[in-house]
Amino acid sequence: MLTLGDLHIGQDAIIRVVGGEGELRHHLLDMGLTPGARIECVGVSPGGDPRAFLVRGAVLALRREDCLSIILRTAEEGETWA
């Protein structure tokens, strides 16, 4: 199972599941982290937390802990995107 926290700089994937509960989950969804969205890791802070991602034309910074609740699908798993 690949999570958002597993992506390295330059890697991209498709969001499969947005986990979490309550306000955190709603906040992630409101930021555009929805199933089917393409997401790319564009940066990692020197300490590894937070991490920066490009999704729907916006760059978002997320804590590593929050990244673990987002499950991804890669192109190698048969998913294609334009």
Protein backbone atom coordinates (compact mmCIF):
# COMPACT_ATOMS: atom_id res chain seq x y z
CA MET A 1 0.00 0.00 0.00
CA LEU A 2 1.51 3.30 -1.16
CA THR A 3 0.78 6.42 0.89
CA LEU A 4 1.42 10.06 0.10
CA GLY A 5 4.30 9.97 2.58
CA ASP A 6 6.08 7.41 0.37
CA LEU A 7 6.42 9.68 -2.68
CA HIS A 8 9.86 11.08 -3.46
CA ILE A 9 10.51 14.42 -5.17
CA GLY A 10 9.44 14.19 -8.81
CA GLN A 11 7.18 11.16 -8.32
CA ASP A 12 3.48 11.42 -9.01
CA ALA A 13 0.43 9.25 -8.45
CA ILE A 14 -3.35 9.28 -8.31
CA ILE A 15 -5.16 9.63 -4.98
CA ARG A 16 -7.16 6.48 -4.29
CA VAL A 17 -8.45 7.05 -0.72
CA VAL A 18 -8.42 10.01 1.66
CA GLY A 19 -8.51 8.60 5.17
CA GLY A 20 -8.50 10.33 8.49
CA GLU A 21 -11.46 11.44 10.51
CA GLY A 22 -13.53 14.52 11.20
CA GLU A 23 -12.14 17.96 10.55
CA LEU A 24 -8.77 16.78 9.26
CA ARG A 25 -10.38 14.64 6.54
CA HIS A 26 -12.73 17.46 5.54
CA HIS A 27 -9.83 19.91 5.44
CA LEU A 28 -7.81 17.60 3.15
CA LEU A 29 -10.80 17.17 0.83
CA ASP A 30 -11.41 20.94 0.80
CA MET A 31 -7.80 21.49 -0.29
CA GLY A 32 -8.42 19.38 -3.39
CA LEU A 33 -7.02 16.09 -2.13
CA THR A 34 -9.86 14.01 -3.52
CA PRO A 35 -9.95 10.50 -4.98
CA GLY A 36 -8.92 10.56 -8.64
CA ALA A 37 -6.76 13.70 -8.35
CA ARG A 38 -3.18 13.55 -9.66
CA ILE A 39 -0.57 14.56 -7.08
CA GLU A 40 3.19 15.11 -7.34
CA CYS A 41 5.82 15.50 -4.64
CA VAL A 42 7.68 18.74 -5.35
CA GLY A 43 9.69 19.21 -2.17
CA VAL A 44 10.71 17.91 1.22
CA SER A 45 12.06 20.06 4.03
CA PRO A 46 15.58 19.26 5.28
CA GLY A 47 14.14 17.45 8.30
CA GLY A 48 11.67 15.54 6.15
CA ASP A 49 8.60 17.26 7.57
CA PRO A 50 6.61 18.99 6.08
CA ARG A 51 6.49 17.84 2.47
CA ALA A 52 5.25 19.87 -0.53
CA PHE A 53 2.87 18.51 -3.18
CA LEU A 54 1.41 19.84 -6.41
CA VAL A 55 -2.28 19.02 -6.78
CA ARG A 56 -4.82 20.71 -9.07
CA GLY A 57 -2.36 23.53 -9.85
CA ALA A 58 -1.68 24.43 -6.20
CA VAL A 59 1.31 23.62 -4.02
CA LEU A 60 0.32 22.28 -0.59
CA ALA A 61 2.53 21.59 2.42
CA LEU A 62 1.48 18.64 4.54
CA ARG A 63 2.88 17.09 7.69
CA ARG A 64 4.21 13.58 7.23
CA GLU A 65 1.68 12.29 9.77
CA ASP A 66 -1.20 13.62 7.64
CA CYS A 67 0.31 12.12 4.47
CA LEU A 68 0.00 8.61 5.89
CA SER A 69 -3.80 8.70 5.69
CA ILE A 70 -3.80 9.29 1.92
CA ILE A 71 -3.58 6.10 -0.15
CA LEU A 72 -2.30 6.32 -3.73
CA ARG A 73 -2.34 4.42 -7.01
CA THR A 74 0.65 4.67 -9.37
CA ALA A 75 0.90 4.34 -13.12
CA GLU A 76 2.56 0.96 -12.59
CA GLU A 77 -0.71 -0.26 -11.06
CA GLY A 78 -2.49 0.32 -14.36
CA GLU A 79 -3.71 3.88 -13.80
CA THR A 80 -3.09 6.32 -16.64
CA TRP A 81 -3.65 10.04 -16.81
CA ALA A 82 -3.16 12.81 -19.33
